[in-house]
Amino acid sequence: MKTTTLLLLMVLTPLAGFSQSVFDKYEEEPEVFSMTVNSPMMNLLVKLGMDLNDTNDLAFINLISKVDSLKVCATNDKNISEEMLQSTNQYVKTSRLYELKVDDATSQNQNIRYFVDKVAEGKYVNELVMSVSGSKKIRLPVNDNRYKTLLLSLMGDQMDLSELDKLTRKMNLPKELGKVKHGLKY
């Protein structure tokens, strides 16, 4: 019995930590910009500069309360870029994420892909992964640099896809994330 339990733990442990390692393994790379915002930091952001009488701020507070973590990795290094995209594709397969087809997601010289865990009631997800790659560099407003490859992960509880543009604007995230509300196709 102990052997079976130990074997099961050895098999499942790498799968449980894979979602973190897709991003975490690039945090120490000098050629990679990485950023992680967890739930306590999200709650702190909500408390700073929000007007509880403003309907837009209230909608943002409602959305942010459903987000557990936000992770971003970006690079211009060709080898790291290829590795990041391969790692993301592997994660998408092992996590059984579905590609979300979005009108206008692929623009000139840029491939934008969205993956979600499930879409409840046509618009709610618990996980969203976005990858952007191509010859056109994407602007990352957080540090005002441009990158050829960007990965973004949002984890939460019943996040409304149609409200992600609010998160994009308020947190100064790449505008490509806001495209997910337009033309959702499953």
N, C-alpha and C. Protein backbone atom coordinates (compact mmCIF):
# COMPACT_ATOMS: atom_id res chain seq x y z
N MET A 1 0.82 -1.19 0.00
CA MET A 1 0.00 0.00 0.00
C MET A 1 0.87 1.27 0.00
N LYS A 2 1.92 1.28 0.84
CA LYS A 2 2.80 2.44 0.90
C LYS A 2 3.52 2.64 -0.43
N THR A 3 3.92 1.52 -1.06
CA THR A 3 4.61 1.61 -2.35
C THR A 3 3.70 2.20 -3.41
N THR A 4 2.44 1.78 -3.42
CA THR A 4 1.48 2.29 -4.39
C THR A 4 1.25 3.78 -4.18
N THR A 5 1.09 4.18 -2.93
CA THR A 5 0.88 5.60 -2.62
C THR A 5 2.08 6.43 -3.02
N LEU A 6 3.27 5.94 -2.71
CA LEU A 6 4.50 6.64 -3.05
C LEU A 6 4.65 6.77 -4.56
N LEU A 7 4.36 5.69 -5.27
CA LEU A 7 4.45 5.71 -6.73
C LEU A 7 3.44 6.70 -7.32
N LEU A 8 2.24 6.71 -6.79
CA LEU A 8 1.21 7.64 -7.25
C LEU A 8 1.64 9.09 -7.01
N LEU A 9 2.19 9.38 -5.85
CA LEU A 9 2.69 10.72 -5.55
C LEU A 9 3.81 11.14 -6.49
N MET A 10 4.71 10.20 -6.79
CA MET A 10 5.83 10.50 -7.69
C MET A 10 5.35 10.83 -9.09
N VAL A 11 4.27 10.18 -9.52
CA VAL A 11 3.73 10.41 -10.86
C VAL A 11 2.95 11.71 -10.91
N LEU A 12 2.15 12.00 -9.88
CA LEU A 12 1.27 13.17 -9.91
C LEU A 12 1.94 14.47 -9.50
N THR A 13 2.99 14.41 -8.70
CA THR A 13 3.65 15.64 -8.23
C THR A 13 4.15 16.52 -9.36
N PRO A 14 4.82 15.99 -10.39
CA PRO A 14 5.26 16.88 -11.47
C PRO A 14 4.09 17.53 -12.20
N LEU A 15 2.97 16.82 -12.31
CA LEU A 15 1.82 17.39 -13.00
C LEU A 15 1.21 18.52 -12.19
N ALA A 16 1.18 18.38 -10.88
CA ALA A 16 0.59 19.41 -10.02
C ALA A 16 1.40 20.69 -10.08
N GLY A 17 2.70 20.61 -10.21
CA GLY A 17 3.54 21.80 -10.21
C GLY A 17 3.86 22.32 -11.59
N PHE A 18 3.38 21.68 -12.63
CA PHE A 18 3.77 22.07 -13.98
C PHE A 18 3.30 23.47 -14.33
N SER A 19 2.09 23.83 -13.90
CA SER A 19 1.58 25.14 -14.29
C SER A 19 2.48 26.25 -13.75
N GLN A 20 3.02 26.08 -12.57
CA GLN A 20 3.92 27.08 -12.03
C GLN A 20 5.25 27.04 -12.77
N SER A 21 5.76 25.85 -13.06
CA SER A 21 7.08 25.75 -13.64
C SER A 21 7.15 26.31 -15.06
N VAL A 22 6.05 26.35 -15.78
CA VAL A 22 6.05 26.94 -17.12
C VAL A 22 6.57 28.37 -17.05
N PHE A 23 6.15 29.10 -16.02
CA PHE A 23 6.58 30.48 -15.86
C PHE A 23 7.76 30.60 -14.91
N ASP A 24 7.73 29.85 -13.84
CA ASP A 24 8.76 29.99 -12.80
C ASP A 24 10.17 29.70 -13.30
N LYS A 25 10.30 28.77 -14.23
CA LYS A 25 11.65 28.42 -14.68
C LYS A 25 12.30 29.54 -15.49
N TYR A 26 11.51 30.52 -15.90
CA TYR A 26 12.08 31.64 -16.67
C TYR A 26 12.34 32.87 -15.81
N GLU A 27 11.93 32.84 -14.55
CA GLU A 27 12.09 34.02 -13.69
C GLU A 27 13.55 34.45 -13.51
N GLU A 28 14.46 33.49 -13.49
CA GLU A 28 15.87 33.81 -13.26
C GLU A 28 16.65 34.07 -14.55
N GLU A 29 15.99 33.89 -15.70
CA GLU A 29 16.65 34.12 -16.99
C GLU A 29 16.86 35.62 -17.20
N PRO A 30 18.10 36.06 -17.44
CA PRO A 30 18.33 37.49 -17.63
C PRO A 30 17.67 38.06 -18.89
N GLU A 31 17.39 37.19 -19.85
CA GLU A 31 16.78 37.64 -21.11
C GLU A 31 15.25 37.62 -21.07
N VAL A 32 14.68 37.35 -19.89
CA VAL A 32 13.23 37.23 -19.76
C VAL A 32 12.73 38.24 -18.73
N PHE A 33 11.72 39.00 -19.13
CA PHE A 33 10.99 39.82 -18.17
C PHE A 33 9.90 38.93 -17.59
N SER A 34 9.80 38.88 -16.25
CA SER A 34 8.73 38.10 -15.64
C SER A 34 8.09 38.90 -14.52
N MET A 35 6.81 38.65 -14.36
CA MET A 35 6.05 39.35 -13.33
C MET A 35 4.97 38.40 -12.81
N THR A 36 4.82 38.34 -11.51
CA THR A 36 3.76 37.54 -10.88
C THR A 36 3.02 38.43 -9.90
N VAL A 37 1.71 38.42 -10.01
CA VAL A 37 0.86 39.15 -9.08
C VAL A 37 -0.09 38.12 -8.48
N ASN A 38 0.00 37.93 -7.15
CA ASN A 38 -0.84 36.94 -6.51
C ASN A 38 -2.06 37.61 -5.85
N SER A 39 -2.92 36.79 -5.25
CA SER A 39 -4.17 37.27 -4.69
C SER A 39 -4.02 38.39 -3.65
N PRO A 40 -3.09 38.27 -2.68
CA PRO A 40 -2.94 39.38 -1.73
C PRO A 40 -2.55 40.70 -2.41
N MET A 41 -1.70 40.61 -3.43
CA MET A 41 -1.31 41.82 -4.16
C MET A 41 -2.51 42.37 -4.94
N MET A 42 -3.32 41.48 -5.51
CA MET A 42 -4.53 41.92 -6.22
C MET A 42 -5.44 42.68 -5.27
N ASN A 43 -5.63 42.13 -4.06
CA ASN A 43 -6.48 42.79 -3.07
C ASN A 43 -5.93 44.16 -2.67
N LEU A 44 -4.61 44.26 -2.58
CA LEU A 44 -3.99 45.54 -2.27
C LEU A 44 -4.24 46.55 -3.40
N LEU A 45 -4.12 46.10 -4.63
CA LEU A 45 -4.39 46.97 -5.78
C LEU A 45 -5.82 47.49 -5.75
N VAL A 46 -6.74 46.63 -5.34
CA VAL A 46 -8.15 47.02 -5.28
C VAL A 46 -8.35 48.14 -4.27
N LYS A 47 -7.63 48.06 -3.17
CA LYS A 47 -7.81 49.05 -2.10
C LYS A 47 -7.19 50.41 -2.44
N LEU A 48 -6.25 50.43 -3.36
CA LEU A 48 -5.56 51.67 -3.70
C LEU A 48 -6.26 52.39 -4.86
N GLY A 49 -6.70 53.57 -4.62
CA GLY A 49 -7.20 54.43 -5.69
C GLY A 49 -8.52 54.00 -6.31
N MET A 50 -9.32 53.22 -5.63
CA MET A 50 -10.61 52.82 -6.18
C MET A 50 -11.72 53.66 -5.56
N ASP A 51 -12.64 54.09 -6.39
CA ASP A 51 -13.78 54.86 -5.94
C ASP A 51 -14.98 53.92 -5.86
N LEU A 52 -15.43 53.65 -4.64
CA LEU A 52 -16.52 52.70 -4.45
C LEU A 52 -17.87 53.23 -4.95
N ASN A 53 -17.91 54.48 -5.35
CA ASN A 53 -19.13 55.05 -5.92
C ASN A 53 -19.10 55.01 -7.45
N ASP A 54 -17.98 54.65 -8.03
CA ASP A 54 -17.81 54.59 -9.48
C ASP A 54 -18.17 53.19 -9.97
N THR A 55 -19.11 53.09 -10.90
CA THR A 55 -19.55 51.77 -11.39
C THR A 55 -18.42 51.04 -12.12
N ASN A 56 -17.55 51.76 -12.82
CA ASN A 56 -16.41 51.11 -13.49
C ASN A 56 -15.44 50.51 -12.48
N ASP A 57 -15.17 51.26 -11.40
CA ASP A 57 -14.29 50.74 -10.36
C ASP A 57 -14.92 49.55 -9.65
N LEU A 58 -16.22 49.59 -9.42
CA LEU A 58 -16.91 48.47 -8.78
C LEU A 58 -16.86 47.22 -9.66
N ALA A 59 -17.01 47.40 -10.97
CA ALA A 59 -16.92 46.26 -11.89
C ALA A 59 -15.51 45.67 -11.86
N PHE A 60 -14.51 46.55 -11.80
CA PHE A 60 -13.12 46.09 -11.73
C PHE A 60 -12.87 45.34 -10.42
N ILE A 61 -13.38 45.87 -9.31
CA ILE A 61 -13.22 45.20 -8.01
C ILE A 61 -13.86 43.82 -8.05
N ASN A 62 -15.03 43.71 -8.65
CA ASN A 62 -15.70 42.42 -8.78
C ASN A 62 -14.86 41.44 -9.59
N LEU A 63 -14.30 41.91 -10.68
CA LEU A 63 -13.46 41.05 -11.52
C LEU A 63 -12.19 40.64 -10.80
N ILE A 64 -11.51 41.58 -10.19
CA ILE A 64 -10.22 41.31 -9.55
C ILE A 64 -10.39 40.37 -8.36
N SER A 65 -11.54 40.40 -7.72
CA SER A 65 -11.78 39.51 -6.58
C SER A 65 -11.84 38.05 -7.02
N LYS A 66 -12.01 37.82 -8.30
CA LYS A 66 -12.08 36.45 -8.83
C LYS A 66 -10.74 35.96 -9.37
N VAL A 67 -9.73 36.83 -9.39
CA VAL A 67 -8.41 36.47 -9.92
C VAL A 67 -7.50 36.06 -8.76
N ASP A 68 -6.94 34.86 -8.87
CA ASP A 68 -6.01 34.37 -7.85
C ASP A 68 -4.56 34.72 -8.17
N SER A 69 -4.21 34.66 -9.46
CA SER A 69 -2.85 35.01 -9.84
C SER A 69 -2.78 35.44 -11.30
N LEU A 70 -1.80 36.27 -11.56
CA LEU A 70 -1.49 36.75 -12.90
C LEU A 70 0.01 36.56 -13.07
N LYS A 71 0.40 35.89 -14.15
CA LYS A 71 1.82 35.70 -14.43
C LYS A 71 2.09 36.13 -15.87
N VAL A 72 3.21 36.81 -16.04
CA VAL A 72 3.62 37.27 -17.37
C VAL A 72 5.09 36.97 -17.55
N CYS A 73 5.44 36.43 -18.71
CA CYS A 73 6.83 36.25 -19.12
C CYS A 73 6.96 36.78 -20.54
N ALA A 74 8.05 37.50 -20.81
CA ALA A 74 8.26 38.05 -22.14
C ALA A 74 9.75 38.05 -22.46
N THR A 75 10.06 37.83 -23.74
CA THR A 75 11.46 37.81 -24.16
C THR A 75 11.59 38.18 -25.64
N ASN A 76 12.81 38.56 -26.00
CA ASN A 76 13.18 38.76 -27.40
C ASN A 76 14.18 37.71 -27.86
N ASP A 77 14.67 36.89 -26.94
CA ASP A 77 15.64 35.85 -27.25
C ASP A 77 14.96 34.73 -28.04
N LYS A 78 15.48 34.43 -29.23
CA LYS A 78 14.85 33.45 -30.11
C LYS A 78 14.79 32.05 -29.49
N ASN A 79 15.87 31.59 -28.90
CA ASN A 79 15.90 30.24 -28.32
C ASN A 79 14.96 30.12 -27.12
N ILE A 80 15.00 31.10 -26.25
CA ILE A 80 14.12 31.09 -25.08
C ILE A 80 12.67 31.19 -25.54
N SER A 81 12.43 32.00 -26.54
CA SER A 81 11.09 32.17 -27.08
C SER A 81 10.52 30.84 -27.56
N GLU A 82 11.31 30.10 -28.33
CA GLU A 82 10.88 28.79 -28.83
C GLU A 82 10.61 27.83 -27.68
N GLU A 83 11.48 27.86 -26.69
CA GLU A 83 11.32 26.98 -25.52
C GLU A 83 10.05 27.35 -24.73
N MET A 84 9.81 28.66 -24.57
CA MET A 84 8.62 29.10 -23.85
C MET A 84 7.35 28.65 -24.55
N LEU A 85 7.31 28.77 -25.87
CA LEU A 85 6.13 28.36 -26.63
C LEU A 85 5.93 26.85 -26.58
N GLN A 86 7.03 26.08 -26.64
CA GLN A 86 6.93 24.63 -26.51
C GLN A 86 6.42 24.23 -25.13
N SER A 87 6.93 24.86 -24.10
CA SER A 87 6.49 24.58 -22.73
C SER A 87 5.01 24.91 -22.57
N THR A 88 4.59 26.01 -23.16
CA THR A 88 3.18 26.40 -23.08
C THR A 88 2.30 25.39 -23.80
N ASN A 89 2.72 24.97 -24.98
CA ASN A 89 1.94 23.97 -25.73
C ASN A 89 1.83 22.67 -24.95
N GLN A 90 2.91 22.26 -24.32
CA GLN A 90 2.89 21.04 -23.50
C GLN A 90 1.94 21.21 -22.31
N TYR A 91 2.01 22.36 -21.67
CA TYR A 91 1.12 22.63 -20.53
C TYR A 91 -0.34 22.60 -20.96
N VAL A 92 -0.63 23.22 -22.10
CA VAL A 92 -2.00 23.26 -22.62
C VAL A 92 -2.53 21.84 -22.83
N LYS A 93 -1.69 20.97 -23.37
CA LYS A 93 -2.12 19.58 -23.61
C LYS A 93 -2.32 18.82 -22.31
N THR A 94 -1.38 18.91 -21.39
CA THR A 94 -1.48 18.13 -20.15
C THR A 94 -2.58 18.67 -19.23
N SER A 95 -2.89 19.95 -19.35
CA SER A 95 -3.94 20.55 -18.50
C SER A 95 -5.31 20.49 -19.15
N ARG A 96 -5.34 19.98 -20.36
CA ARG A 96 -6.60 19.86 -21.10
C ARG A 96 -7.30 21.21 -21.27
N LEU A 97 -6.51 22.19 -21.66
CA LEU A 97 -7.07 23.50 -21.96
C LEU A 97 -7.57 23.48 -23.40
N TYR A 98 -8.55 24.31 -23.68
CA TYR A 98 -9.13 24.41 -25.00
C TYR A 98 -8.75 25.74 -25.62
N GLU A 99 -8.48 25.71 -26.92
CA GLU A 99 -8.17 26.98 -27.59
C GLU A 99 -9.46 27.74 -27.81
N LEU A 100 -9.43 29.00 -27.46
CA LEU A 100 -10.57 29.88 -27.61
C LEU A 100 -10.35 30.68 -28.89
N LYS A 101 -11.23 30.52 -29.84
CA LYS A 101 -11.12 31.25 -31.09
C LYS A 101 -11.69 32.64 -30.91
N VAL A 102 -10.88 33.63 -31.25
CA VAL A 102 -11.28 35.01 -31.06
C VAL A 102 -11.10 35.74 -32.39
N ASP A 103 -12.17 36.43 -32.83
CA ASP A 103 -12.06 37.24 -34.03
C ASP A 103 -10.96 38.27 -33.85
N ASP A 104 -10.20 38.52 -34.88
CA ASP A 104 -9.14 39.54 -34.86
C ASP A 104 -8.02 39.21 -33.87
N ALA A 105 -7.87 37.92 -33.51
CA ALA A 105 -6.81 37.56 -32.57
C ALA A 105 -5.45 37.51 -33.25
N THR A 106 -5.43 37.12 -34.51
CA THR A 106 -4.16 37.06 -35.21
C THR A 106 -4.06 38.28 -36.12
N SER A 107 -3.15 39.15 -35.78
CA SER A 107 -2.98 40.36 -36.57
C SER A 107 -1.74 40.21 -37.45
N GLN A 108 -1.45 41.24 -38.18
CA GLN A 108 -0.32 41.23 -39.09
C GLN A 108 0.98 40.91 -38.35
N ASN A 109 1.68 39.86 -38.77
CA ASN A 109 2.97 39.45 -38.22
C ASN A 109 2.93 39.10 -36.72
N GLN A 110 1.74 38.71 -36.22
CA GLN A 110 1.61 38.39 -34.81
C GLN A 110 0.59 37.26 -34.64
N ASN A 111 0.98 36.23 -33.89
CA ASN A 111 0.09 35.11 -33.63
C ASN A 111 -0.34 35.18 -32.16
N ILE A 112 -1.62 35.37 -31.95
CA ILE A 112 -2.16 35.47 -30.59
C ILE A 112 -3.08 34.28 -30.37
N ARG A 113 -2.79 33.51 -29.33
CA ARG A 113 -3.61 32.34 -29.02
C ARG A 113 -4.07 32.41 -27.58
N TYR A 114 -5.33 32.03 -27.37
CA TYR A 114 -5.94 32.01 -26.04
C TYR A 114 -6.35 30.57 -25.73
N PHE A 115 -6.07 30.14 -24.51
CA PHE A 115 -6.47 28.81 -24.06
C PHE A 115 -7.19 28.96 -22.73
N VAL A 116 -8.28 28.20 -22.57
CA VAL A 116 -9.06 28.26 -21.33
C VAL A 116 -9.36 26.85 -20.86
N ASP A 117 -9.63 26.73 -19.56
CA ASP A 117 -9.92 25.41 -19.00
C ASP A 117 -11.31 24.93 -19.42
N LYS A 118 -12.28 25.76 -19.29
CA LYS A 118 -13.65 25.46 -19.71
C LYS A 118 -14.37 26.78 -19.81
N VAL A 119 -15.44 26.79 -20.54
CA VAL A 119 -16.22 28.01 -20.66
C VAL A 119 -17.61 27.69 -20.14
N ALA A 120 -17.89 28.15 -18.93
CA ALA A 120 -19.20 27.93 -18.32
C ALA A 120 -20.14 29.04 -18.73
N GLU A 121 -21.36 28.69 -19.05
CA GLU A 121 -22.39 29.65 -19.43
C GLU A 121 -21.92 30.58 -20.55
N GLY A 122 -21.01 30.11 -21.36
CA GLY A 122 -20.57 30.88 -22.51
C GLY A 122 -19.54 31.96 -22.25
N LYS A 123 -19.14 32.16 -20.96
CA LYS A 123 -18.19 33.25 -20.75
C LYS A 123 -17.33 33.15 -19.50
N TYR A 124 -17.51 32.20 -18.62
CA TYR A 124 -16.75 32.13 -17.37
C TYR A 124 -15.66 31.07 -17.43
N VAL A 125 -14.46 31.42 -16.99
CA VAL A 125 -13.34 30.48 -16.97
C VAL A 125 -12.61 30.56 -15.63
N ASN A 126 -11.85 29.51 -15.32
CA ASN A 126 -11.01 29.50 -14.11
C ASN A 126 -9.54 29.68 -14.47
N GLU A 127 -9.22 29.47 -15.73
CA GLU A 127 -7.84 29.63 -16.17
C GLU A 127 -7.82 30.12 -17.61
N LEU A 128 -6.95 31.08 -17.86
CA LEU A 128 -6.74 31.59 -19.21
C LEU A 128 -5.24 31.72 -19.43
N VAL A 129 -4.78 31.17 -20.55
CA VAL A 129 -3.38 31.31 -20.94
C VAL A 129 -3.38 31.99 -22.30
N MET A 130 -2.56 33.02 -22.44
CA MET A 130 -2.45 33.74 -23.70
C MET A 130 -0.99 33.68 -24.15
N SER A 131 -0.78 33.36 -25.41
CA SER A 131 0.57 33.42 -25.97
C SER A 131 0.55 34.34 -27.18
N VAL A 132 1.56 35.18 -27.25
CA VAL A 132 1.71 36.11 -28.37
C VAL A 132 3.11 35.93 -28.91
N SER A 133 3.21 35.69 -30.21
CA SER A 133 4.53 35.54 -30.83
C SER A 133 4.45 36.03 -32.27
N GLY A 134 5.61 36.28 -32.84
CA GLY A 134 5.68 36.73 -34.22
C GLY A 134 6.76 37.76 -34.41
N SER A 135 6.83 38.28 -35.63
CA SER A 135 7.88 39.24 -35.92
C SER A 135 7.54 40.65 -35.42
N LYS A 136 6.26 40.93 -35.24
CA LYS A 136 5.87 42.23 -34.68
C LYS A 136 5.97 42.15 -33.16
N LYS A 137 6.67 43.10 -32.58
CA LYS A 137 6.86 43.09 -31.13
C LYS A 137 5.62 43.64 -30.42
N ILE A 138 5.32 43.01 -29.30
CA ILE A 138 4.19 43.44 -28.49
C ILE A 138 4.69 44.36 -27.38
N ARG A 139 3.96 45.43 -27.15
CA ARG A 139 4.34 46.40 -26.12
C ARG A 139 3.79 45.92 -24.78
N LEU A 140 4.65 45.90 -23.80
CA LEU A 140 4.26 45.55 -22.45
C LEU A 140 4.23 46.84 -21.64
N PRO A 141 3.04 47.38 -21.38
CA PRO A 141 2.94 48.68 -20.72
C PRO A 141 3.58 48.75 -19.34
N VAL A 142 3.69 47.63 -18.65
CA VAL A 142 4.25 47.62 -17.30
C VAL A 142 5.66 48.19 -17.27
N ASN A 143 6.48 47.85 -18.27
CA ASN A 143 7.84 48.38 -18.31
C ASN A 143 8.12 49.15 -19.60
N ASP A 144 7.10 49.30 -20.44
CA ASP A 144 7.15 50.05 -21.70
C ASP A 144 8.17 49.50 -22.70
N ASN A 145 8.52 48.23 -22.57
CA ASN A 145 9.40 47.58 -23.55
C ASN A 145 8.57 46.78 -24.54
N ARG A 146 9.21 46.39 -25.63
CA ARG A 146 8.54 45.59 -26.66
C ARG A 146 9.23 44.23 -26.76
N TYR A 147 8.38 43.19 -26.90
CA TYR A 147 8.89 41.82 -26.92
C TYR A 147 8.29 41.04 -28.09
N LYS A 148 9.08 40.07 -28.59
CA LYS A 148 8.61 39.22 -29.68
C LYS A 148 7.72 38.09 -29.17
N THR A 149 7.93 37.66 -27.93
CA THR A 149 7.13 36.58 -27.36
C THR A 149 6.67 36.97 -25.97
N LEU A 150 5.39 36.75 -25.72
CA LEU A 150 4.81 37.05 -24.43
C LEU A 150 3.87 35.91 -24.03
N LEU A 151 3.98 35.46 -22.79
CA LEU A 151 3.06 34.48 -22.23
C LEU A 151 2.38 35.12 -21.04
N LEU A 152 1.08 34.87 -20.92
CA LEU A 152 0.33 35.42 -19.79
C LEU A 152 -0.60 34.34 -19.27
N SER A 153 -0.67 34.21 -17.96
CA SER A 153 -1.56 33.24 -17.33
C SER A 153 -2.40 33.94 -16.28
N LEU A 154 -3.70 33.70 -16.34
CA LEU A 154 -4.63 34.19 -15.33
C LEU A 154 -5.30 32.98 -14.70
N MET A 155 -5.24 32.89 -13.39
CA MET A 155 -5.92 31.82 -12.66
C MET A 155 -6.90 32.49 -11.71
N GLY A 156 -8.09 31.88 -11.59
CA GLY A 156 -9.08 32.45 -10.70
C GLY A 156 -10.30 31.58 -10.58
N ASP A 157 -11.39 32.20 -10.22
CA ASP A 157 -12.64 31.48 -10.00
C ASP A 157 -13.76 32.18 -10.77
N GLN A 158 -14.23 31.52 -11.80
CA GLN A 158 -15.35 32.03 -12.61
C GLN A 158 -15.10 33.45 -13.10
N MET A 159 -13.96 33.64 -13.78
CA MET A 159 -13.63 34.96 -14.34
C MET A 159 -14.46 35.17 -15.61
N ASP A 160 -15.02 36.34 -15.75
CA ASP A 160 -15.87 36.68 -16.88
C ASP A 160 -14.99 37.15 -18.04
N LEU A 161 -14.96 36.37 -19.12
CA LEU A 161 -14.13 36.72 -20.27
C LEU A 161 -14.52 38.08 -20.86
N SER A 162 -15.79 38.40 -20.81
CA SER A 162 -16.24 39.66 -21.43
C SER A 162 -15.78 40.89 -20.64
N GLU A 163 -15.25 40.69 -19.44
CA GLU A 163 -14.79 41.82 -18.63
C GLU A 163 -13.27 41.94 -18.56
N LEU A 164 -12.56 41.12 -19.31
CA LEU A 164 -11.10 41.16 -19.23
C LEU A 164 -10.51 42.47 -19.74
N ASP A 165 -11.23 43.16 -20.61
CA ASP A 165 -10.71 44.45 -21.08
C ASP A 165 -10.59 45.45 -19.92
N LYS A 166 -11.45 45.34 -18.89
CA LYS A 166 -11.34 46.20 -17.71
C LYS A 166 -10.02 45.92 -16.97
N LEU A 167 -9.70 44.65 -16.84
CA LEU A 167 -8.45 44.25 -16.19
C LEU A 167 -7.27 44.77 -17.00
N THR A 168 -7.37 44.66 -18.30
CA THR A 168 -6.30 45.12 -19.20
C THR A 168 -6.03 46.61 -19.01
N ARG A 169 -7.08 47.39 -18.99
CA ARG A 169 -6.91 48.84 -18.85
C ARG A 169 -6.44 49.24 -17.46
N LYS A 170 -7.09 48.74 -16.42
CA LYS A 170 -6.78 49.16 -15.05
C LYS A 170 -5.40 48.72 -14.59
N MET A 171 -4.95 47.54 -15.03
CA MET A 171 -3.65 47.03 -14.58
C MET A 171 -2.55 47.29 -15.60
N ASN A 172 -2.89 48.01 -16.68
CA ASN A 172 -1.90 48.37 -17.68
C ASN A 172 -1.24 47.14 -18.30
N LEU A 173 -2.08 46.16 -18.67
CA LEU A 173 -1.61 44.91 -19.29
C LEU A 173 -1.64 45.05 -20.80
N PRO A 174 -1.01 44.10 -21.51
CA PRO A 174 -1.03 44.18 -22.98
C PRO A 174 -2.45 44.24 -23.52
N LYS A 175 -2.69 45.15 -24.46
CA LYS A 175 -4.04 45.35 -25.00
C LYS A 175 -4.58 44.10 -25.68
N GLU A 176 -3.71 43.18 -26.10
CA GLU A 176 -4.15 41.96 -26.76
C GLU A 176 -5.04 41.10 -25.85
N LEU A 177 -4.86 41.21 -24.55
CA LEU A 177 -5.70 40.46 -23.62
C LEU A 177 -7.15 40.92 -23.71
N GLY A 178 -7.36 42.19 -23.95
CA GLY A 178 -8.71 42.72 -24.07
C GLY A 178 -9.46 42.22 -25.28
N LYS A 179 -8.75 41.69 -26.29
CA LYS A 179 -9.40 41.19 -27.50
C LYS A 179 -10.24 39.95 -27.23
N VAL A 180 -10.02 39.29 -26.12
CA VAL A 180 -10.70 38.04 -25.86
C VAL A 180 -12.20 38.24 -25.72
N LYS A 181 -12.65 39.44 -25.39
CA LYS A 181 -14.10 39.67 -25.23
C LYS A 181 -14.79 39.80 -26.59
N HIS A 182 -14.05 40.07 -27.62
CA HIS A 182 -14.64 40.29 -28.94
C HIS A 182 -14.73 39.00 -29.73
N GLY A 183 -15.88 38.67 -30.21
CA GLY A 183 -16.05 37.55 -31.12
C GLY A 183 -15.69 36.20 -30.54
N LEU A 184 -16.14 35.89 -29.34
CA LEU A 184 -15.85 34.60 -28.73
C LEU A 184 -16.43 33.47 -29.56
N LYS A 185 -15.62 32.46 -29.82
CA LYS A 185 -16.07 31.26 -30.53
C LYS A 185 -15.52 30.07 -29.78
N TYR A 186 -16.30 29.03 -29.67
CA TYR A 186 -15.87 27.86 -28.91
C TYR A 186 -15.74 26.66 -29.80
